């Protein structure tokens, strides 16, 4: 039984991960901005203040491993200057705070597993459409690419402290409890399969259960070290995804409708670039490290999510 400290533990991934860890017999510590308590003896809450650079020393002292998921939601609000600063600072400053804590506070932390995102990669190229983006591809120079670069750079010094560091670039996480899946399902409930722009843009995704399994496996498994794409083997276009989801939810009783790119740009502003961007990301590296997906295809993933939400 290990003690796992989670940052971003109240988010979609953090909540699911906590439940899986407890089911496996582990104890979970959650770093939070506000003081909290739990009725579950296997969950402890600790306070940290990222802007002011403070963290409860007990959180660090008791942890065997850290899973770092903290960061303001990328798609929660329209991007303006203040929101973009919040998205970036919440990731960079939290990483720097963890590094400082591990450097200055007594601890027995063996490994740190950090989130990043496939926003690292730019739009698809002829090469990426053939094989998918590999982990050695350079960071995109647009906002999300630069955010991911600085996010990963902030946590990188953990390696110099003698800790194992694993960074996962998350694809779109498919979960009934939050994130993109909630938005995908909204129009389908009314019989509309909302296809974004041309619908030809490639989506790289991962089922929430597979992501939790991957994060946990990487803690102790010595095959994992460095940077990995956390995505499923099968990629799919936005149009194919929405039609598959609509069929799972509505059978043949739905209407496919294309939402024009100009309208998305009007509503979403700069964020529309990411919604309309095609990014085929390769999962070979996690598979070669020994990870086996429970939901390798979109059909399997959506079948489970739709059935479990009934």
Protein backbone atom coordinates (compact mmCIF):
# COMPACT_ATOMS: atom_id res chain seq x y z
CA UNK A 1 0.00 0.00 0.00
CA UNK A 2 1.41 3.35 -1.05
CA UNK A 3 0.51 6.94 -0.25
CA UNK A 4 -0.18 8.85 -3.49
CA UNK A 5 -0.33 12.64 -3.40
CA UNK A 6 -2.50 14.15 -6.15
CA UNK A 7 -2.57 17.75 -7.30
CA UNK A 8 -5.70 18.66 -9.24
CA UNK A 9 -7.46 15.89 -7.34
CA UNK A 10 -10.89 17.52 -7.57
CA UNK A 11 -10.88 17.60 -11.39
CA UNK A 12 -12.40 14.98 -13.71
CA UNK A 13 -9.25 12.86 -13.92
CA UNK A 14 -8.32 13.40 -10.27
CA UNK A 15 -11.71 12.26 -8.97
CA UNK A 16 -11.69 9.10 -11.08
CA UNK A 17 -8.07 8.35 -10.23
CA UNK A 18 -8.72 8.72 -6.50
CA UNK A 19 -11.46 6.10 -6.60
CA UNK A 20 -9.32 3.63 -8.57
CA UNK A 21 -6.36 4.09 -6.21
CA UNK A 22 -8.53 3.50 -3.14
CA UNK A 23 -10.05 0.40 -4.74
CA UNK A 24 -6.51 -0.91 -5.22
CA UNK A 25 -5.76 -0.42 -1.53
CA UNK A 26 -3.71 2.78 -1.69
CA UNK A 27 -4.04 5.90 0.45
CA UNK A 28 -4.59 9.20 -1.33
CA UNK A 29 -3.55 12.71 -0.35
CA UNK A 30 -5.13 15.61 -2.22
CA UNK A 31 -3.58 19.06 -2.41
CA UNK A 32 -6.27 21.72 -2.42
CA UNK A 33 -6.48 25.49 -2.11
CA UNK A 34 -9.17 25.29 0.56
CA UNK A 35 -9.13 23.33 3.80
CA UNK A 36 -11.22 20.17 3.40
CA UNK A 37 -11.92 16.99 5.30
CA UNK A 38 -12.99 13.54 4.19
CA UNK A 39 -15.22 10.88 5.67
CA UNK A 40 -13.10 8.29 3.88
CA UNK A 41 -10.14 7.22 6.05
CA UNK A 42 -8.14 6.56 2.88
CA UNK A 43 -8.30 10.19 1.72
CA UNK A 44 -6.43 13.09 3.34
CA UNK A 45 -6.55 16.72 2.27
CA UNK A 46 -3.63 19.16 2.45
CA UNK A 47 -3.53 22.84 1.67
CA UNK A 48 -1.30 24.64 -0.78
CA UNK A 49 -1.30 28.19 -2.09
CA UNK A 50 0.27 28.28 -5.54
CA UNK A 51 0.47 32.08 -6.07
CA UNK A 52 2.09 32.54 -2.64
CA UNK A 53 4.31 29.46 -2.97
CA UNK A 54 3.24 27.61 0.18
CA UNK A 55 2.49 23.93 0.71
CA UNK A 56 1.75 21.77 3.76
CA UNK A 57 5.06 19.97 4.56
CA UNK A 58 3.08 16.91 5.72
CA UNK A 59 1.74 16.43 2.21
CA UNK A 60 5.28 16.05 0.88
CA UNK A 61 6.64 14.13 3.88
CA UNK A 62 4.02 11.38 3.73
CA UNK A 63 3.92 10.81 -0.04
CA UNK A 64 5.53 7.84 -1.77
CA UNK A 65 4.51 9.11 -5.20
CA UNK A 66 3.04 12.32 -6.64
CA UNK A 67 0.61 12.58 -9.55
CA UNK A 68 0.54 16.17 -10.76
CA UNK A 69 -2.70 17.09 -12.54
CA UNK A 70 -3.18 20.70 -11.42
CA UNK A 71 -4.08 23.35 -13.98
CA UNK A 72 -6.96 25.68 -14.88
CA UNK A 73 -9.34 24.14 -17.42
CA UNK A 74 -8.29 24.89 -20.99
CA UNK A 75 -11.78 24.79 -22.50
CA UNK A 76 -13.84 26.01 -19.52
CA UNK A 77 -13.95 29.67 -20.53
CA UNK A 78 -13.33 31.83 -23.59
CA UNK A 79 -9.66 32.73 -23.91
CA UNK A 80 -8.80 36.33 -23.16
CA UNK A 81 -5.50 37.70 -21.91
CA UNK A 82 -6.36 37.06 -18.24
CA UNK A 83 -7.65 33.54 -18.86
CA UNK A 84 -4.60 32.58 -20.90
CA UNK A 85 -2.38 33.84 -18.09
CA UNK A 86 -4.35 31.73 -15.59
CA UNK A 87 -4.05 28.61 -17.77
CA UNK A 88 -0.29 29.06 -18.07
CA UNK A 89 0.50 30.23 -14.53
CA UNK A 90 -1.55 27.51 -12.83
CA UNK A 91 0.58 24.89 -14.56
CA UNK A 92 4.00 26.48 -14.40
CA UNK A 93 3.77 27.86 -10.86
CA UNK A 94 2.35 24.61 -9.43
CA UNK A 95 5.19 22.64 -11.02
CA UNK A 96 7.79 25.05 -9.69
CA UNK A 97 6.24 24.84 -6.22
CA UNK A 98 6.41 21.04 -6.21
CA UNK A 99 10.06 21.11 -7.32
CA UNK A 100 10.91 23.62 -4.58
CA UNK A 101 9.08 21.54 -1.95
CA UNK A 102 10.87 18.33 -2.97
CA UNK A 103 14.18 20.18 -2.88
CA UNK A 104 13.72 21.81 0.54
CA UNK A 105 11.40 19.52 2.55
CA UNK A 106 12.17 16.06 3.98
CA UNK A 107 10.48 13.46 1.79
CA UNK A 108 10.53 9.86 0.57
CA UNK A 109 8.96 10.51 -2.82
CA UNK A 110 10.10 7.92 -5.35
CA UNK A 111 8.41 9.17 -8.49
CA UNK A 112 6.44 12.06 -9.88
CA UNK A 113 3.99 11.60 -12.74
CA UNK A 114 2.88 14.81 -14.41
CA UNK A 115 0.16 15.69 -16.87
CA UNK A 116 0.84 17.63 -20.03
CA UNK A 117 -1.24 17.77 -23.19
CA UNK A 118 -1.22 16.91 -26.87
CA UNK A 119 -1.65 20.65 -27.38
CA UNK A 120 2.17 20.36 -27.50
CA UNK A 121 1.82 19.37 -31.16
CA UNK A 122 0.95 21.65 -34.01
CA UNK A 123 -1.55 20.95 -36.78
CA UNK A 124 -1.10 17.71 -38.71
CA UNK A 125 1.55 17.45 -41.39
CA UNK A 126 1.83 14.86 -44.17
CA UNK A 127 4.20 12.88 -41.94
CA UNK A 128 1.99 13.01 -38.85
CA UNK A 129 -1.10 12.01 -40.85
CA UNK A 130 0.78 8.90 -41.91
CA UNK A 131 2.30 7.82 -38.57
CA UNK A 132 1.02 10.24 -35.94
CA UNK A 133 3.03 12.69 -33.86
CA UNK A 134 5.77 11.01 -31.83
CA UNK A 135 7.04 12.36 -28.51
CA UNK A 136 10.19 13.84 -30.07
CA UNK A 137 8.23 16.27 -32.27
CA UNK A 138 8.92 19.94 -31.44
CA UNK A 139 6.42 22.02 -29.48
CA UNK A 140 4.01 24.14 -31.47
CA UNK A 141 4.60 27.88 -31.22
CA UNK A 142 0.90 28.69 -30.68
CA UNK A 143 -0.49 29.31 -27.19
CA UNK A 144 -1.17 25.72 -26.16
CA UNK A 145 2.11 24.44 -27.56
CA UNK A 146 4.03 27.07 -25.63
CA UNK A 147 1.96 26.36 -22.50
CA UNK A 148 2.79 22.65 -22.68
CA UNK A 149 6.48 23.40 -23.25
CA UNK A 150 6.69 25.62 -20.17
CA UNK A 151 4.52 23.20 -18.16
CA UNK A 152 6.93 20.34 -18.82
CA UNK A 153 9.97 22.57 -18.33
CA UNK A 154 8.71 23.61 -14.87
CA UNK A 155 8.57 20.04 -13.55
CA UNK A 156 11.72 18.77 -15.30
CA UNK A 157 14.14 19.66 -12.41
CA UNK A 158 12.57 16.81 -10.38
CA UNK A 159 14.94 14.46 -12.24
CA UNK A 160 17.99 16.26 -10.85
CA UNK A 161 16.66 15.49 -7.35
CA UNK A 162 16.96 11.76 -8.03
CA UNK A 163 13.24 11.19 -8.54
CA UNK A 164 11.74 9.25 -11.43
CA UNK A 165 9.80 11.64 -13.67
CA UNK A 166 7.11 10.56 -16.12
CA UNK A 167 5.19 13.09 -18.21
CA UNK A 168 2.02 12.12 -20.07
CA UNK A 169 0.67 14.29 -22.85
CA UNK A 170 -3.06 13.67 -22.43
CA UNK A 171 -5.31 13.29 -25.44
CA UNK A 172 -8.97 14.29 -25.15
CA UNK A 173 -10.17 12.42 -22.07
CA UNK A 174 -13.50 10.68 -22.58
CA UNK A 175 -15.46 10.57 -19.32
CA UNK A 176 -19.12 10.85 -18.35
CA UNK A 177 -18.16 12.97 -15.34
CA UNK A 178 -16.61 15.99 -17.04
CA UNK A 179 -14.48 17.34 -19.85
CA UNK A 180 -15.13 17.19 -23.57
CA UNK A 181 -17.55 14.25 -23.47
CA UNK A 182 -20.15 16.37 -21.66
CA UNK A 183 -20.04 18.93 -24.49
CA UNK A 184 -20.08 16.27 -27.20
CA UNK A 185 -23.23 14.71 -25.72
CA UNK A 186 -25.26 17.89 -25.21
CA UNK A 187 -26.55 18.36 -28.79
CA UNK A 188 -26.91 14.59 -29.31
CA UNK A 189 -29.43 14.47 -26.47
CA UNK A 190 -31.63 16.65 -28.71
CA UNK A 191 -31.04 14.47 -31.76
CA UNK A 192 -28.27 16.57 -33.32
CA UNK A 193 -24.80 15.28 -34.19
CA UNK A 194 -22.89 18.57 -34.13
CA UNK A 195 -19.93 18.24 -36.52
CA UNK A 196 -17.34 20.98 -36.02
CA UNK A 197 -16.25 22.75 -39.19
CA UNK A 198 -15.45 20.28 -41.96
CA UNK A 199 -15.36 17.43 -39.46
CA UNK A 200 -12.19 16.12 -41.09
CA UNK A 201 -9.93 17.11 -38.20
CA UNK A 202 -8.41 14.11 -36.40
CA UNK A 203 -9.14 13.59 -32.70
CA UNK A 204 -6.64 11.83 -30.44
CA UNK A 205 -8.36 10.62 -27.30
CA UNK A 206 -8.22 8.22 -24.33
CA UNK A 207 -10.90 6.60 -22.17
CA UNK A 208 -10.81 7.78 -18.54
CA UNK A 209 -10.40 4.21 -17.26
CA UNK A 210 -7.37 3.65 -19.49
CA UNK A 211 -5.84 6.95 -18.42
CA UNK A 212 -6.20 6.06 -14.73
CA UNK A 213 -4.67 2.62 -15.35
CA UNK A 214 -1.79 4.19 -17.28
CA UNK A 215 -1.03 6.73 -14.55
CA UNK A 216 -1.03 4.05 -11.86
CA UNK A 217 1.05 1.57 -13.86
CA UNK A 218 3.72 4.20 -14.48
CA UNK A 219 4.34 4.85 -10.77
CA UNK A 220 6.29 1.65 -10.07
CA UNK A 221 6.88 0.21 -13.52
CA UNK A 222 10.51 0.86 -14.42
CA UNK A 223 9.65 0.67 -18.13
CA UNK A 224 8.16 4.13 -17.74
CA UNK A 225 10.55 7.05 -17.60
CA UNK A 226 10.34 10.26 -19.61
CA UNK A 227 7.64 11.63 -21.91
CA UNK A 228 4.71 9.68 -23.38
CA UNK A 229 1.57 10.34 -25.39
CA UNK A 230 -1.46 9.25 -23.34
CA UNK A 231 -3.76 8.40 -26.25
CA UNK A 232 -5.61 5.40 -27.68
CA UNK A 233 -4.20 3.49 -30.65
CA UNK A 234 -7.15 4.47 -32.86
CA UNK A 235 -7.59 8.07 -33.96
CA UNK A 236 -10.81 9.28 -35.58
CA UNK A 237 -12.13 12.35 -37.36
CA UNK A 238 -14.51 14.68 -35.57
CA UNK A 239 -17.28 13.72 -38.00
CA UNK A 240 -16.77 9.98 -37.49
CA UNK A 241 -16.67 10.49 -33.73
CA UNK A 242 -19.92 12.47 -33.60
CA UNK A 243 -21.76 10.04 -35.90
CA UNK A 244 -20.60 7.08 -33.80
CA UNK A 245 -21.67 8.80 -30.58
CA UNK A 246 -25.07 9.74 -32.05
CA UNK A 247 -25.68 6.16 -33.19
CA UNK A 248 -24.81 4.85 -29.71
CA UNK A 249 -27.13 7.34 -28.03
CA UNK A 250 -29.97 7.70 -30.52
CA UNK A 251 -29.83 4.76 -32.92
CA UNK A 252 -30.89 6.18 -36.30
CA UNK A 253 -32.89 9.06 -34.81
CA UNK A 254 -30.48 11.96 -35.21
CA UNK A 255 -29.58 14.68 -37.68
CA UNK A 256 -25.94 15.43 -38.59
CA UNK A 257 -25.33 19.19 -38.71
CA UNK A 258 -22.05 20.92 -39.57
CA UNK A 259 -21.26 23.92 -37.36
CA UNK A 260 -19.42 26.35 -39.70
CA UNK A 261 -15.84 27.23 -38.84
CA UNK A 262 -16.59 30.96 -39.01
CA UNK A 263 -19.31 30.55 -36.38
CA UNK A 264 -16.97 28.64 -34.06
CA UNK A 265 -14.38 31.40 -34.46
CA UNK A 266 -17.02 33.98 -33.61
CA UNK A 267 -18.20 32.13 -30.49
CA UNK A 268 -14.92 30.70 -29.22
CA UNK A 269 -12.38 33.24 -30.44
CA UNK A 270 -8.78 32.02 -30.36
CA UNK A 271 -9.82 28.73 -28.74
CA UNK A 272 -11.50 27.76 -32.03
CA UNK A 273 -8.02 27.09 -33.45
CA UNK A 274 -7.70 24.08 -31.13
CA UNK A 275 -11.26 22.88 -31.75
CA UNK A 276 -10.68 22.87 -35.50
CA UNK A 277 -7.07 21.65 -35.40
CA UNK A 278 -6.27 18.15 -36.63
CA UNK A 279 -3.71 16.32 -34.49
CA UNK A 280 -3.04 12.62 -35.07
CA UNK A 281 -0.94 11.48 -32.09
CA UNK A 282 0.88 8.14 -31.88
CA UNK A 283 0.42 5.72 -28.95
CA UNK A 284 3.30 3.38 -29.85
CA UNK A 285 5.58 4.40 -26.98
CA UNK A 286 3.16 3.55 -24.14
CA UNK A 287 2.29 0.28 -25.87
CA UNK A 288 5.96 -0.65 -26.26
CA UNK A 289 6.40 0.07 -22.51
CA UNK A 290 3.83 -2.64 -21.84
CA UNK A 291 0.57 -0.74 -21.45
CA UNK A 292 -2.53 -2.50 -22.77
CA UNK A 293 -5.58 -0.38 -23.52
CA UNK A 294 -8.92 -1.60 -22.26
CA UNK A 295 -10.63 0.64 -24.82
CA UNK A 296 -8.40 0.79 -27.92
CA UNK A 297 -11.18 1.82 -30.32
CA UNK A 298 -13.70 4.65 -30.28
CA UNK A 299 -16.53 2.16 -30.72
CA UNK A 300 -15.51 0.29 -27.54
CA UNK A 301 -14.97 3.49 -25.57
CA UNK A 302 -18.28 5.11 -26.53
CA UNK A 303 -20.21 1.87 -26.02
CA UNK A 304 -18.96 1.68 -22.42
CA UNK A 305 -19.58 5.36 -21.70
CA UNK A 306 -23.07 5.43 -23.18
CA UNK A 307 -24.13 2.18 -21.48
CA UNK A 308 -22.72 3.19 -18.09
CA UNK A 309 -24.55 6.53 -18.19
CA UNK A 310 -27.99 4.95 -18.66
